[in-house]
Amino acid sequence: MTTVRIFLRGGSHFDVTAQDFTTRRDRISNELTSLSWTDAVSGKPLYLRLDAVDAVVPLDETEGDGAT
């Protein structure tokens, strides 16, 4: 399982733990165009606007909220 921390432009963040994560960015603007995961076990949002995402950071197993 992998945990990533998703930072939003408003300053808040949350963690998602899933089997696999995939992100895609625009080659010219470097903006996030796609974020997907498979078999999420915790932290899966009901709705996520990609234009509100500031950063997606993978966490070590020692980091996170302890839900891993």
PDB file of N, CA and C in Angstrom:
ATOM      1  N   MET A   1       0.840  -1.189   0.000  1.00  0.00           N
ATOM      2  CA  MET A   1       0.000   0.000   0.000  1.00  0.00           C
ATOM      3  C   MET A   1       0.884   1.252   0.000  1.00  0.00           C
ATOM      4  N   THR A   2       0.394   2.251  -0.654  1.00  0.00           N
ATOM      5  CA  THR A   2       1.083   3.533  -0.749  1.00  0.00           C
ATOM      6  C   THR A   2       0.178   4.617  -0.196  1.00  0.00           C
ATOM      7  N   THR A   3       0.775   5.549   0.531  1.00  0.00           N
ATOM      8  CA  THR A   3       0.031   6.692   1.052  1.00  0.00           C
ATOM      9  C   THR A   3       0.575   7.962   0.410  1.00  0.00           C
ATOM     10  N   VAL A   4      -0.318   8.795  -0.107  1.00  0.00           N
ATOM     11  CA  VAL A   4       0.078  10.101  -0.619  1.00  0.00           C
ATOM     12  C   VAL A   4      -0.694  11.175   0.134  1.00  0.00           C
ATOM     13  N   ARG A   5      -0.060  12.308   0.326  1.00  0.00           N
ATOM     14  CA  ARG A   5      -0.697  13.468   0.944  1.00  0.00           C
ATOM     15  C   ARG A   5      -1.038  14.436  -0.174  1.00  0.00           C
ATOM     16  N   ILE A   6      -2.308  14.814  -0.231  1.00  0.00           N
ATOM     17  CA  ILE A   6      -2.786  15.730  -1.252  1.00  0.00           C
ATOM     18  C   ILE A   6      -3.012  17.085  -0.599  1.00  0.00           C
ATOM     19  N   PHE A   7      -2.244  18.089  -1.044  1.00  0.00           N
ATOM     20  CA  PHE A   7      -2.353  19.447  -0.526  1.00  0.00           C
ATOM     21  C   PHE A   7      -3.278  20.243  -1.436  1.00  0.00           C
ATOM     22  N   LEU A   8      -4.208  20.954  -0.837  1.00  0.00           N
ATOM     23  CA  LEU A   8      -5.134  21.786  -1.592  1.00  0.00           C
ATOM     24  C   LEU A   8      -4.685  23.240  -1.549  1.00  0.00           C
ATOM     25  N   ARG A   9      -5.109  24.026  -2.523  1.00  0.00           N
ATOM     26  CA  ARG A   9      -4.686  25.435  -2.617  1.00  0.00           C
ATOM     27  C   ARG A   9      -5.119  26.265  -1.415  1.00  0.00           C
ATOM     28  N   GLY A  10      -6.184  25.864  -0.749  1.00  0.00           N
ATOM     29  CA  GLY A  10      -6.657  26.586   0.430  1.00  0.00           C
ATOM     30  C   GLY A  10      -5.808  26.362   1.668  1.00  0.00           C
ATOM     31  N   GLY A  11      -4.819  25.454   1.586  1.00  0.00           N
ATOM     32  CA  GLY A  11      -3.927  25.210   2.709  1.00  0.00           C
ATOM     33  C   GLY A  11      -4.202  23.909   3.448  1.00  0.00           C
ATOM     34  N   SER A  12      -5.329  23.276   3.192  1.00  0.00           N
ATOM     35  CA  SER A  12      -5.622  22.014   3.873  1.00  0.00           C
ATOM     36  C   SER A  12      -5.004  20.847   3.106  1.00  0.00           C
ATOM     37  N   HIS A  13      -4.973  19.696   3.750  1.00  0.00           N
ATOM     38  CA  HIS A  13      -4.444  18.506   3.102  1.00  0.00           C
ATOM     39  C   HIS A  13      -5.147  17.265   3.660  1.00  0.00           C
ATOM     40  N   PHE A  14      -5.031  16.162   2.948  1.00  0.00           N
ATOM     41  CA  PHE A  14      -5.549  14.886   3.416  1.00  0.00           C
ATOM     42  C   PHE A  14      -4.702  13.770   2.810  1.00  0.00           C
ATOM     43  N   ASP A  15      -4.747  12.612   3.437  1.00  0.00           N
ATOM     44  CA  ASP A  15      -3.980  11.457   2.990  1.00  0.00           C
ATOM     45  C   ASP A  15      -4.906  10.429   2.357  1.00  0.00           C
ATOM     46  N   VAL A  16      -4.427   9.796   1.308  1.00  0.00           N
ATOM     47  CA  VAL A  16      -5.138   8.696   0.664  1.00  0.00           C
ATOM     48  C   VAL A  16      -4.197   7.501   0.641  1.00  0.00           C
ATOM     49  N   THR A  17      -4.689   6.354   1.106  1.00  0.00           N
ATOM     50  CA  THR A  17      -3.907   5.123   1.081  1.00  0.00           C
ATOM     51  C   THR A  17      -4.548   4.184   0.069  1.00  0.00           C
ATOM     52  N   ALA A  18      -3.756   3.726  -0.900  1.00  0.00           N
ATOM     53  CA  ALA A  18      -4.270   2.868  -1.963  1.00  0.00           C
ATOM     54  C   ALA A  18      -3.165   1.952  -2.469  1.00  0.00           C
ATOM     55  N   GLN A  19      -3.570   1.012  -3.293  1.00  0.00           N
ATOM     56  CA  GLN A  19      -2.611   0.058  -3.858  1.00  0.00           C
ATOM     57  C   GLN A  19      -1.663   0.738  -4.841  1.00  0.00           C
ATOM     58  N   ASP A  20      -2.194   1.617  -5.696  1.00  0.00           N
ATOM     59  CA  ASP A  20      -1.377   2.241  -6.735  1.00  0.00           C
ATOM     60  C   ASP A  20      -1.923   3.626  -7.057  1.00  0.00           C
ATOM     61  N   PHE A  21      -1.034   4.572  -7.336  1.00  0.00           N
ATOM     62  CA  PHE A  21      -1.413   5.936  -7.704  1.00  0.00           C
ATOM     63  C   PHE A  21      -0.842   6.277  -9.066  1.00  0.00           C
ATOM     64  N   THR A  22      -1.600   7.062  -9.829  1.00  0.00           N
ATOM     65  CA  THR A  22      -1.132   7.542 -11.128  1.00  0.00           C
ATOM     66  C   THR A  22      -1.486   9.013 -11.251  1.00  0.00           C
ATOM     67  N   THR A  23      -0.504   9.818 -11.633  1.00  0.00           N
ATOM     68  CA  THR A  23      -0.752  11.234 -11.899  1.00  0.00           C
ATOM     69  C   THR A  23      -0.266  11.557 -13.309  1.00  0.00           C
ATOM     70  N   ARG A  24      -0.929  12.511 -13.935  1.00  0.00           N
ATOM     71  CA  ARG A  24      -0.505  13.002 -15.240  1.00  0.00           C
ATOM     72  C   ARG A  24      -0.516  14.510 -15.210  1.00  0.00           C
ATOM     73  N   ARG A  25       0.466  15.095 -15.901  1.00  0.00           N
ATOM     74  CA  ARG A  25       0.591  16.550 -15.963  1.00  0.00           C
ATOM     75  C   ARG A  25       0.675  16.989 -17.406  1.00  0.00           C
ATOM     76  N   ASP A  26       0.220  18.206 -17.659  1.00  0.00           N
ATOM     77  CA  ASP A  26       0.337  18.810 -18.975  1.00  0.00           C
ATOM     78  C   ASP A  26       1.814  19.090 -19.246  1.00  0.00           C
ATOM     79  N   ARG A  27       2.276  18.756 -20.425  1.00  0.00           N
ATOM     80  CA  ARG A  27       3.702  18.922 -20.744  1.00  0.00           C
ATOM     81  C   ARG A  27       4.130  20.386 -20.847  1.00  0.00           C
ATOM     82  N   ILE A  28       3.216  21.236 -21.220  1.00  0.00           N
ATOM     83  CA  ILE A  28       3.571  22.649 -21.395  1.00  0.00           C
ATOM     84  C   ILE A  28       3.401  23.430 -20.091  1.00  0.00           C
ATOM     85  N   SER A  29       2.232  23.329 -19.468  1.00  0.00           N
ATOM     86  CA  SER A  29       1.956  24.137 -18.278  1.00  0.00           C
ATOM     87  C   SER A  29       2.335  23.437 -16.972  1.00  0.00           C
ATOM     88  N   ASN A  30       2.590  22.133 -17.016  1.00  0.00           N
ATOM     89  CA  ASN A  30       2.918  21.325 -15.846  1.00  0.00           C
ATOM     90  C   ASN A  30       1.765  21.246 -14.843  1.00  0.00           C
ATOM     91  N   GLU A  31       0.547  21.565 -15.281  1.00  0.00           N
ATOM     92  CA  GLU A  31      -0.624  21.455 -14.410  1.00  0.00           C
ATOM     93  C   GLU A  31      -1.088  20.014 -14.337  1.00  0.00           C
ATOM     94  N   LEU A  32      -1.620  19.641 -13.194  1.00  0.00           N
ATOM     95  CA  LEU A  32      -2.152  18.300 -12.988  1.00  0.00           C
ATOM     96  C   LEU A  32      -3.398  18.110 -13.856  1.00  0.00           C
ATOM     97  N   THR A  33      -3.402  17.072 -14.686  1.00  0.00           N
ATOM     98  CA  THR A  33      -4.547  16.815 -15.556  1.00  0.00           C
ATOM     99  C   THR A  33      -5.289  15.545 -15.167  1.00  0.00           C
ATOM    100  N   SER A  34      -4.647  14.652 -14.403  1.00  0.00           N
ATOM    101  CA  SER A  34      -5.283  13.407 -14.017  1.00  0.00           C
ATOM    102  C   SER A  34      -4.668  12.888 -12.722  1.00  0.00           C
ATOM    103  N   LEU A  35      -5.509  12.389 -11.846  1.00  0.00           N
ATOM    104  CA  LEU A  35      -5.075  11.768 -10.589  1.00  0.00           C
ATOM    105  C   LEU A  35      -5.988  10.575 -10.355  1.00  0.00           C
ATOM    106  N   SER A  36      -5.404   9.393 -10.278  1.00  0.00           N
ATOM    107  CA  SER A  36      -6.226   8.203 -10.063  1.00  0.00           C
ATOM    108  C   SER A  36      -5.513   7.239  -9.128  1.00  0.00           C
ATOM    109  N   TRP A  37      -6.299   6.356  -8.520  1.00  0.00           N
ATOM    110  CA  TRP A  37      -5.761   5.333  -7.635  1.00  0.00           C
ATOM    111  C   TRP A  37      -6.602   4.083  -7.761  1.00  0.00           C
ATOM    112  N   THR A  38      -6.011   2.966  -7.355  1.00  0.00           N
ATOM    113  CA  THR A  38      -6.737   1.702  -7.373  1.00  0.00           C
ATOM    114  C   THR A  38      -6.783   1.128  -5.972  1.00  0.00           C
ATOM    115  N   ASP A  39      -7.927   0.550  -5.630  1.00  0.00           N
ATOM    116  CA  ASP A  39      -8.123  -0.132  -4.340  1.00  0.00           C
ATOM    117  C   ASP A  39      -7.796   0.757  -3.140  1.00  0.00           C
ATOM    118  N   ALA A  40      -8.378   1.953  -3.095  1.00  0.00           N
ATOM    119  CA  ALA A  40      -8.173   2.850  -1.949  1.00  0.00           C
ATOM    120  C   ALA A  40      -8.787   2.232  -0.704  1.00  0.00           C
ATOM    121  N   VAL A  41      -8.030   2.255   0.404  1.00  0.00           N
ATOM    122  CA  VAL A  41      -8.524   1.693   1.658  1.00  0.00           C
ATOM    123  C   VAL A  41      -8.840   2.766   2.686  1.00  0.00           C
ATOM    124  N   SER A  42      -8.296   3.971   2.521  1.00  0.00           N
ATOM    125  CA  SER A  42      -8.626   5.057   3.448  1.00  0.00           C
ATOM    126  C   SER A  42      -8.385   6.405   2.789  1.00  0.00           C
ATOM    127  N   GLY A  43      -9.171   7.378   3.214  1.00  0.00           N
ATOM    128  CA  GLY A  43      -8.983   8.755   2.778  1.00  0.00           C
ATOM    129  C   GLY A  43      -9.511   9.100   1.408  1.00  0.00           C
ATOM    130  N   LYS A  44     -10.225   8.206   0.766  1.00  0.00           N
ATOM    131  CA  LYS A  44     -10.709   8.466  -0.591  1.00  0.00           C
ATOM    132  C   LYS A  44     -11.773   9.561  -0.566  1.00  0.00           C
ATOM    133  N   PRO A  45     -11.526  10.690  -1.259  1.00  0.00           N
ATOM    134  CA  PRO A  45     -12.524  11.770  -1.260  1.00  0.00           C
ATOM    135  C   PRO A  45     -13.723  11.426  -2.141  1.00  0.00           C
ATOM    136  N   LEU A  46     -14.868  11.978  -1.803  1.00  0.00           N
ATOM    137  CA  LEU A  46     -16.047  11.786  -2.634  1.00  0.00           C
ATOM    138  C   LEU A  46     -15.948  12.586  -3.926  1.00  0.00           C
ATOM    139  N   TYR A  47     -15.331  13.768  -3.831  1.00  0.00           N
ATOM    140  CA  TYR A  47     -15.203  14.657  -4.980  1.00  0.00           C
ATOM    141  C   TYR A  47     -13.910  15.430  -4.844  1.00  0.00           C
ATOM    142  N   LEU A  48     -13.177  15.580  -5.936  1.00  0.00           N
ATOM    143  CA  LEU A  48     -11.916  16.303  -5.900  1.00  0.00           C
ATOM    144  C   LEU A  48     -11.753  17.071  -7.202  1.00  0.00           C
ATOM    145  N   ARG A  49     -11.705  18.393  -7.079  1.00  0.00           N
ATOM    146  CA  ARG A  49     -11.450  19.246  -8.250  1.00  0.00           C
ATOM    147  C   ARG A  49      -9.943  19.317  -8.465  1.00  0.00           C
ATOM    148  N   LEU A  50      -9.483  18.926  -9.632  1.00  0.00           N
ATOM    149  CA  LEU A  50      -8.049  18.926  -9.895  1.00  0.00           C
ATOM    150  C   LEU A  50      -7.453  20.317  -9.866  1.00  0.00           C
ATOM    151  N   ASP A  51      -8.250  21.342 -10.212  1.00  0.00           N
ATOM    152  CA  ASP A  51      -7.712  22.703 -10.177  1.00  0.00           C
ATOM    153  C   ASP A  51      -7.519  23.203  -8.748  1.00  0.00           C
ATOM    154  N   ALA A  52      -8.047  22.481  -7.754  1.00  0.00           N
ATOM    155  CA  ALA A  52      -7.864  22.855  -6.351  1.00  0.00           C
ATOM    156  C   ALA A  52      -6.667  22.157  -5.721  1.00  0.00           C
ATOM    157  N   VAL A  53      -6.047  21.210  -6.436  1.00  0.00           N
ATOM    158  CA  VAL A  53      -4.903  20.462  -5.905  1.00  0.00           C
ATOM    159  C   VAL A  53      -3.634  21.265  -6.147  1.00  0.00           C
ATOM    160  N   ASP A  54      -2.876  21.470  -5.073  1.00  0.00           N
ATOM    161  CA  ASP A  54      -1.616  22.197  -5.160  1.00  0.00           C
ATOM    162  C   ASP A  54      -0.430  21.252  -5.307  1.00  0.00           C
ATOM    163  N   ALA A  55      -0.468  20.104  -4.603  1.00  0.00           N
ATOM    164  CA  ALA A  55       0.637  19.145  -4.667  1.00  0.00           C
ATOM    165  C   ALA A  55       0.150  17.762  -4.261  1.00  0.00           C
ATOM    166  N   VAL A  56       0.804  16.751  -4.816  1.00  0.00           N
ATOM    167  CA  VAL A  56       0.574  15.354  -4.441  1.00  0.00           C
ATOM    168  C   VAL A  56       1.935  14.793  -4.036  1.00  0.00           C
ATOM    169  N   VAL A  57       2.070  14.426  -2.753  1.00  0.00           N
ATOM    170  CA  VAL A  57       3.360  14.031  -2.215  1.00  0.00           C
ATOM    171  C   VAL A  57       3.284  12.619  -1.649  1.00  0.00           C
ATOM    172  N   PRO A  58       4.112  11.678  -2.157  1.00  0.00           N
ATOM    173  CA  PRO A  58       4.124  10.343  -1.564  1.00  0.00           C
ATOM    174  C   PRO A  58       4.777  10.393  -0.184  1.00  0.00           C
ATOM    175  N   LEU A  59       4.238   9.632   0.753  1.00  0.00           N
ATOM    176  CA  LEU A  59       4.747   9.605   2.116  1.00  0.00           C
ATOM    177  C   LEU A  59       5.491   8.301   2.386  1.00  0.00           C
ATOM    178  N   ASP A  60       6.488   8.373   3.269  1.00  0.00           N
ATOM    179  CA  ASP A  60       7.131   7.173   3.763  1.00  0.00           C
ATOM    180  C   ASP A  60       6.172   6.464   4.702  1.00  0.00           C
ATOM    181  N   GLU A  61       6.434   5.207   5.014  1.00  0.00           N
ATOM    182  CA  GLU A  61       5.552   4.478   5.914  1.00  0.00           C
ATOM    183  C   GLU A  61       5.558   5.049   7.334  1.00  0.00           C
ATOM    184  N   THR A  62       6.600   5.801   7.691  1.00  0.00           N
ATOM    185  CA  THR A  62       6.683   6.385   9.024  1.00  0.00           C
ATOM    186  C   THR A  62       5.930   7.686   9.116  1.00  0.00           C
ATOM    187  N   GLU A  63       5.526   8.269   7.975  1.00  0.00           N
ATOM    188  CA  GLU A  63       4.779   9.521   7.954  1.00  0.00           C
ATOM    189  C   GLU A  63       3.297   9.236   7.845  1.00  0.00           C
ATOM    190  N   GLY A  64       2.490  10.281   7.779  1.00  0.00           N
ATOM    191  CA  GLY A  64       1.061  10.119   7.600  1.00  0.00           C
ATOM    192  C   GLY A  64       0.323  10.225   8.919  1.00  0.00           C
ATOM    193  N   ASP A  65      -0.965   9.881   8.892  1.00  0.00           N
ATOM    194  CA  ASP A  65      -1.808  10.050  10.073  1.00  0.00           C
ATOM    195  C   ASP A  65      -1.931   8.778  10.897  1.00  0.00           C
ATOM    196  N   GLY A  66      -1.121   7.766  10.591  1.00  0.00           N
ATOM    197  CA  GLY A  66      -1.157   6.529  11.351  1.00  0.00           C
ATOM    198  C   GLY A  66      -2.197   5.551  10.872  1.00  0.00           C
ATOM    199  N   ALA A  67      -2.902   5.855   9.793  1.00  0.00           N
ATOM    200  CA  ALA A  67      -3.963   4.993   9.292  1.00  0.00           C
ATOM    201  C   ALA A  67      -3.418   3.885   8.397  1.00  0.00           C
ATOM    202  N   THR A  68      -2.114   3.923   8.093  1.00  0.00           N
ATOM    203  CA  THR A  68      -1.563   2.903   7.201  1.00  0.00           C
ATOM    204  C   THR A  68      -1.188   1.657   7.929  1.00  0.00           C
TER     205      THR A  68
END
